[in-house]
Amino acid sequence: MEQLIRFGIDVANGMSHLAAMECVHRDLAARNVLLGENLVAKVSDFGLSRDIYENSEYVKSTKSKLPLRWMAYESLFYNVYTSQSDAWSFGVLLWEIMTMGKLPYEGMKGKRMMDLIKDGGRLEQPTPCPDEIYSIMTTCWKTFPEDRPSFPQLKARLERTLQDFKPYTSLLT
């Protein structure tokens, strides 16, 4: 569990840097995270990334396939992308990490998934997932972007969770 939390911290750190550079990733998912030396998780695949330094958001105007299962409320329904929409995707990525790579909203077609999200439904807590990690995920899935945590806040919260988790880990060894 400790290593899984570290993966989340690494990704939050990378996304903090991206947000500081005023860039949205738009495709943050476990499939776009590589493991480097010493199992350091690194964000990759910037093919959908866009800079937002002029307007703080990107509004998509062309038709193309998008990763619906990872997309934020405002991205799904209004084609708006910000660092806070990346925070939503980060919550889904944490869910993927805690499920060891399960597909979010498995068995649902796009329309049904979008209806679920519009009605306030979210991914359920994975069985082995600690309550505090699931709480972090759910803060990422707030309907309004301004209610979601920033990446520095996410990183700090995961680091606190890891510190709280360590005493229990040391009892097992």
C-alpha atoms as a PDB file:
ATOM      1  CA  MET A   1       0.000   0.000   0.000  1.00  0.00           C
ATOM      2  CA  GLU A   2       2.869   2.339   0.801  1.00  0.00           C
ATOM      3  CA  GLN A   3       4.250   2.036  -2.744  1.00  0.00           C
ATOM      4  CA  LEU A   4       0.829   2.680  -4.258  1.00  0.00           C
ATOM      5  CA  ILE A   5       0.526   5.910  -2.253  1.00  0.00           C
ATOM      6  CA  ARG A   6       4.020   6.895  -3.403  1.00  0.00           C
ATOM      7  CA  PHE A   7       2.916   6.496  -7.036  1.00  0.00           C
ATOM      8  CA  GLY A   8       0.098   8.957  -6.326  1.00  0.00           C
ATOM      9  CA  ILE A   9       2.532  11.412  -4.710  1.00  0.00           C
ATOM     10  CA  ASP A  10       4.872  11.199  -7.709  1.00  0.00           C
ATOM     11  CA  VAL A  11       2.054  11.876 -10.177  1.00  0.00           C
ATOM     12  CA  ALA A  12       0.694  14.761  -8.073  1.00  0.00           C
ATOM     13  CA  ASN A  13       4.202  16.230  -8.030  1.00  0.00           C
ATOM     14  CA  GLY A  14       4.499  15.975 -11.817  1.00  0.00           C
ATOM     15  CA  MET A  15       1.053  17.457 -12.318  1.00  0.00           C
ATOM     16  CA  SER A  16       1.904  20.322  -9.920  1.00  0.00           C
ATOM     17  CA  HIS A  17       4.765  21.183 -12.243  1.00  0.00           C
ATOM     18  CA  LEU A  18       2.528  20.978 -15.317  1.00  0.00           C
ATOM     19  CA  ALA A  19      -0.113  23.205 -13.687  1.00  0.00           C
ATOM     20  CA  ALA A  20       2.582  25.724 -12.709  1.00  0.00           C
ATOM     21  CA  MET A  21       3.626  25.800 -16.372  1.00  0.00           C
ATOM     22  CA  GLU A  22      -0.030  26.627 -17.188  1.00  0.00           C
ATOM     23  CA  CYS A  23      -0.602  23.502 -19.199  1.00  0.00           C
ATOM     24  CA  VAL A  24      -3.466  20.988 -19.031  1.00  0.00           C
ATOM     25  CA  HIS A  25      -2.733  17.338 -19.719  1.00  0.00           C
ATOM     26  CA  ARG A  26      -6.289  16.253 -20.704  1.00  0.00           C
ATOM     27  CA  ASP A  27      -5.385  12.537 -20.712  1.00  0.00           C
ATOM     28  CA  LEU A  28      -4.141  11.780 -17.207  1.00  0.00           C
ATOM     29  CA  ALA A  29      -4.648   8.053 -16.641  1.00  0.00           C
ATOM     30  CA  ALA A  30      -2.614   5.098 -15.373  1.00  0.00           C
ATOM     31  CA  ARG A  31      -1.837   4.107 -18.976  1.00  0.00           C
ATOM     32  CA  ASN A  32       0.031   7.422 -19.303  1.00  0.00           C
ATOM     33  CA  VAL A  33       2.254   6.990 -16.263  1.00  0.00           C
ATOM     34  CA  LEU A  34       5.646   5.358 -16.646  1.00  0.00           C
ATOM     35  CA  LEU A  35       7.778   3.913 -13.856  1.00  0.00           C
ATOM     36  CA  GLY A  36      11.373   5.107 -13.864  1.00  0.00           C
ATOM     37  CA  GLU A  37      14.413   4.295 -11.797  1.00  0.00           C
ATOM     38  CA  ASN A  38      13.576   3.359  -8.181  1.00  0.00           C
ATOM     39  CA  LEU A  39       9.912   3.008  -9.221  1.00  0.00           C
ATOM     40  CA  VAL A  40       9.400   6.768  -9.547  1.00  0.00           C
ATOM     41  CA  ALA A  41       6.118   7.387 -11.386  1.00  0.00           C
ATOM     42  CA  LYS A  42       6.384   9.866 -14.265  1.00  0.00           C
ATOM     43  CA  VAL A  43       3.557  11.471 -16.216  1.00  0.00           C
ATOM     44  CA  SER A  44       3.835  10.831 -19.959  1.00  0.00           C
ATOM     45  CA  ASP A  45       1.903  11.077 -23.253  1.00  0.00           C
ATOM     46  CA  PHE A  46       1.334  14.767 -23.743  1.00  0.00           C
ATOM     47  CA  GLY A  47      -0.468  14.343 -27.070  1.00  0.00           C
ATOM     48  CA  LEU A  48      -3.681  15.990 -25.811  1.00  0.00           C
ATOM     49  CA  SER A  49      -1.920  18.634 -23.686  1.00  0.00           C
ATOM     50  CA  ARG A  50      -2.687  22.304 -24.260  1.00  0.00           C
ATOM     51  CA  ASP A  51      -1.239  25.480 -22.825  1.00  0.00           C
ATOM     52  CA  ILE A  52      -3.635  27.693 -20.892  1.00  0.00           C
ATOM     53  CA  TYR A  53      -1.352  30.623 -20.067  1.00  0.00           C
ATOM     54  CA  GLU A  54      -3.534  33.153 -21.868  1.00  0.00           C
ATOM     55  CA  ASN A  55      -6.971  32.157 -20.588  1.00  0.00           C
ATOM     56  CA  SER A  56      -6.519  29.621 -17.712  1.00  0.00           C
ATOM     57  CA  GLU A  57      -8.774  27.167 -19.568  1.00  0.00           C
ATOM     58  CA  TYR A  58      -8.937  25.356 -22.890  1.00  0.00           C
ATOM     59  CA  VAL A  59     -12.244  24.964 -24.716  1.00  0.00           C
ATOM     60  CA  LYS A  60     -12.297  22.115 -27.191  1.00  0.00           C
ATOM     61  CA  SER A  61     -13.911  23.027 -30.489  1.00  0.00           C
ATOM     62  CA  THR A  62     -13.069  20.089 -32.784  1.00  0.00           C
ATOM     63  CA  LYS A  63     -14.528  16.581 -32.842  1.00  0.00           C
ATOM     64  CA  SER A  64     -12.232  13.750 -31.832  1.00  0.00           C
ATOM     65  CA  LYS A  65     -12.195  10.716 -29.570  1.00  0.00           C
ATOM     66  CA  LEU A  66     -11.571  11.558 -25.929  1.00  0.00           C
ATOM     67  CA  PRO A  67     -10.969   9.473 -22.773  1.00  0.00           C
ATOM     68  CA  LEU A  68     -14.513   9.810 -21.341  1.00  0.00           C
ATOM     69  CA  ARG A  69     -13.952   7.607 -18.284  1.00  0.00           C
ATOM     70  CA  TRP A  70     -11.291  10.010 -16.973  1.00  0.00           C
ATOM     71  CA  MET A  71     -12.942  13.293 -17.936  1.00  0.00           C
ATOM     72  CA  ALA A  72     -14.240  15.898 -15.498  1.00  0.00           C
ATOM     73  CA  TYR A  73     -17.832  17.059 -15.344  1.00  0.00           C
ATOM     74  CA  GLU A  74     -17.132  20.358 -17.138  1.00  0.00           C
ATOM     75  CA  SER A  75     -15.072  18.584 -19.801  1.00  0.00           C
ATOM     76  CA  LEU A  76     -17.775  16.005 -20.501  1.00  0.00           C
ATOM     77  CA  PHE A  77     -20.647  18.465 -20.700  1.00  0.00           C
ATOM     78  CA  TYR A  78     -19.060  21.781 -21.709  1.00  0.00           C
ATOM     79  CA  ASN A  79     -15.735  20.851 -23.410  1.00  0.00           C
ATOM     80  CA  VAL A  80     -13.803  22.974 -20.873  1.00  0.00           C
ATOM     81  CA  TYR A  81     -10.394  21.849 -19.588  1.00  0.00           C
ATOM     82  CA  THR A  82      -8.378  23.351 -16.727  1.00  0.00           C
ATOM     83  CA  SER A  83      -5.882  22.122 -14.156  1.00  0.00           C
ATOM     84  CA  GLN A  84      -8.928  21.338 -12.026  1.00  0.00           C
ATOM     85  CA  SER A  85     -10.285  19.021 -14.728  1.00  0.00           C
ATOM     86  CA  ASP A  86      -6.896  17.284 -14.580  1.00  0.00           C
ATOM     87  CA  ALA A  87      -7.477  16.974 -10.805  1.00  0.00           C
ATOM     88  CA  TRP A  88     -10.687  15.014 -11.554  1.00  0.00           C
ATOM     89  CA  SER A  89      -8.668  12.692 -13.796  1.00  0.00           C
ATOM     90  CA  PHE A  90      -6.109  12.332 -11.008  1.00  0.00           C
ATOM     91  CA  GLY A  91      -8.876  11.000  -8.756  1.00  0.00           C
ATOM     92  CA  VAL A  92      -9.711   8.391 -11.391  1.00  0.00           C
ATOM     93  CA  LEU A  93      -6.005   7.562 -11.714  1.00  0.00           C
ATOM     94  CA  LEU A  94      -5.825   7.005  -7.921  1.00  0.00           C
ATOM     95  CA  TRP A  95      -8.831   4.712  -8.263  1.00  0.00           C
ATOM     96  CA  GLU A  96      -6.976   2.790 -11.004  1.00  0.00           C
ATOM     97  CA  ILE A  97      -3.922   2.479  -8.763  1.00  0.00           C
ATOM     98  CA  MET A  98      -5.980   1.190  -5.831  1.00  0.00           C
ATOM     99  CA  THR A  99      -7.783  -1.365  -8.030  1.00  0.00           C
ATOM    100  CA  MET A 100      -4.510  -2.524  -9.601  1.00  0.00           C
ATOM    101  CA  GLY A 101      -5.576  -1.317 -13.040  1.00  0.00           C
ATOM    102  CA  LYS A 102      -9.296  -2.013 -13.342  1.00  0.00           C
ATOM    103  CA  LEU A 103     -11.244  -0.087 -15.978  1.00  0.00           C
ATOM    104  CA  PRO A 104     -13.245   2.795 -14.460  1.00  0.00           C
ATOM    105  CA  TYR A 105     -17.012   2.442 -14.937  1.00  0.00           C
ATOM    106  CA  GLU A 106     -16.440  -1.041 -16.319  1.00  0.00           C
ATOM    107  CA  GLY A 107     -19.364  -2.401 -18.303  1.00  0.00           C
ATOM    108  CA  MET A 108     -20.922   1.042 -18.839  1.00  0.00           C
ATOM    109  CA  LYS A 109     -21.325   2.717 -22.200  1.00  0.00           C
ATOM    110  CA  GLY A 110     -20.455   6.417 -22.494  1.00  0.00           C
ATOM    111  CA  LYS A 111     -24.038   7.722 -22.304  1.00  0.00           C
ATOM    112  CA  ARG A 112     -24.867   5.717 -19.169  1.00  0.00           C
ATOM    113  CA  MET A 113     -21.609   6.813 -17.506  1.00  0.00           C
ATOM    114  CA  MET A 114     -22.307  10.467 -18.345  1.00  0.00           C
ATOM    115  CA  ASP A 115     -25.855  10.177 -16.961  1.00  0.00           C
ATOM    116  CA  LEU A 116     -24.442   8.652 -13.759  1.00  0.00           C
ATOM    117  CA  ILE A 117     -21.972  11.529 -13.352  1.00  0.00           C
ATOM    118  CA  LYS A 118     -24.601  14.166 -14.159  1.00  0.00           C
ATOM    119  CA  ASP A 119     -26.829  12.632 -11.452  1.00  0.00           C
ATOM    120  CA  GLY A 120     -23.997  12.837  -8.877  1.00  0.00           C
ATOM    121  CA  GLY A 121     -22.812   9.224  -9.131  1.00  0.00           C
ATOM    122  CA  ARG A 122     -19.110   8.508  -8.795  1.00  0.00           C
ATOM    123  CA  LEU A 123     -16.808   5.493  -8.777  1.00  0.00           C
ATOM    124  CA  GLU A 124     -17.231   3.290  -5.717  1.00  0.00           C
ATOM    125  CA  GLN A 125     -14.549   2.755  -3.100  1.00  0.00           C
ATOM    126  CA  PRO A 126     -12.292  -0.151  -4.102  1.00  0.00           C
ATOM    127  CA  THR A 127     -12.227  -3.011  -1.595  1.00  0.00           C
ATOM    128  CA  PRO A 128      -8.591  -2.733  -0.457  1.00  0.00           C
ATOM    129  CA  CYS A 129      -8.572   1.092  -0.546  1.00  0.00           C
ATOM    130  CA  PRO A 130      -8.097   2.968   2.754  1.00  0.00           C
ATOM    131  CA  ASP A 131     -10.891   5.424   3.600  1.00  0.00           C
ATOM    132  CA  GLU A 132      -8.488   8.402   3.530  1.00  0.00           C
ATOM    133  CA  ILE A 133      -7.359   7.615  -0.026  1.00  0.00           C
ATOM    134  CA  TYR A 134     -10.971   7.254  -1.165  1.00  0.00           C
ATOM    135  CA  SER A 135     -11.748  10.572   0.509  1.00  0.00           C
ATOM    136  CA  ILE A 136      -8.981  12.167  -1.577  1.00  0.00           C
ATOM    137  CA  MET A 137     -10.504  10.649  -4.717  1.00  0.00           C
ATOM    138  CA  THR A 138     -13.961  11.990  -3.934  1.00  0.00           C
ATOM    139  CA  THR A 139     -12.630  15.522  -3.393  1.00  0.00           C
ATOM    140  CA  CYS A 140     -11.231  15.298  -6.926  1.00  0.00           C
ATOM    141  CA  TRP A 141     -14.718  14.430  -8.236  1.00  0.00           C
ATOM    142  CA  LYS A 142     -16.557  17.482  -6.938  1.00  0.00           C
ATOM    143  CA  THR A 143     -18.932  18.822  -9.592  1.00  0.00           C
ATOM    144  CA  PHE A 144     -17.591  22.382  -9.442  1.00  0.00           C
ATOM    145  CA  PRO A 145     -13.902  22.717 -10.384  1.00  0.00           C
ATOM    146  CA  GLU A 146     -13.257  25.373  -7.741  1.00  0.00           C
ATOM    147  CA  ASP A 147     -14.240  22.850  -5.046  1.00  0.00           C
ATOM    148  CA  ARG A 148     -11.505  20.413  -6.086  1.00  0.00           C
ATOM    149  CA  PRO A 149      -8.028  20.455  -4.526  1.00  0.00           C
ATOM    150  CA  SER A 150      -4.992  21.726  -6.410  1.00  0.00           C
ATOM    151  CA  PHE A 151      -2.126  19.368  -7.183  1.00  0.00           C
ATOM    152  CA  PRO A 152       0.110  20.805  -4.407  1.00  0.00           C
ATOM    153  CA  GLN A 153      -2.797  20.189  -1.985  1.00  0.00           C
ATOM    154  CA  LEU A 154      -3.243  16.647  -3.307  1.00  0.00           C
ATOM    155  CA  LYS A 155       0.466  15.928  -2.944  1.00  0.00           C
ATOM    156  CA  ALA A 156       0.498  17.260   0.634  1.00  0.00           C
ATOM    157  CA  ARG A 157      -2.570  15.247   1.597  1.00  0.00           C
ATOM    158  CA  LEU A 158      -1.112  12.038   0.144  1.00  0.00           C
ATOM    159  CA  GLU A 159       2.173  12.680   1.965  1.00  0.00           C
ATOM    160  CA  ARG A 160       0.270  13.087   5.271  1.00  0.00           C
ATOM    161  CA  THR A 161      -1.651   9.892   4.534  1.00  0.00           C
ATOM    162  CA  LEU A 162       1.608   8.054   3.858  1.00  0.00           C
ATOM    163  CA  GLN A 163       3.075   9.318   7.161  1.00  0.00           C
ATOM    164  CA  ASP A 164      -0.062   8.202   9.027  1.00  0.00           C
ATOM    165  CA  PHE A 165       0.122   4.831   7.284  1.00  0.00           C
ATOM    166  CA  LYS A 166       3.797   4.111   8.131  1.00  0.00           C
ATOM    167  CA  PRO A 167       3.333   3.247  11.852  1.00  0.00           C
ATOM    168  CA  TYR A 168       0.953   0.462  10.860  1.00  0.00           C
ATOM    169  CA  THR A 169       3.334  -0.828   8.212  1.00  0.00           C
ATOM    170  CA  SER A 170       6.242  -1.014  10.682  1.00  0.00           C
ATOM    171  CA  LEU A 171       4.152  -3.183  13.029  1.00  0.00           C
ATOM    172  CA  LEU A 172       3.795  -5.767  10.264  1.00  0.00           C
ATOM    173  CA  THR A 173       7.533  -6.139   9.613  1.00  0.00           C
END
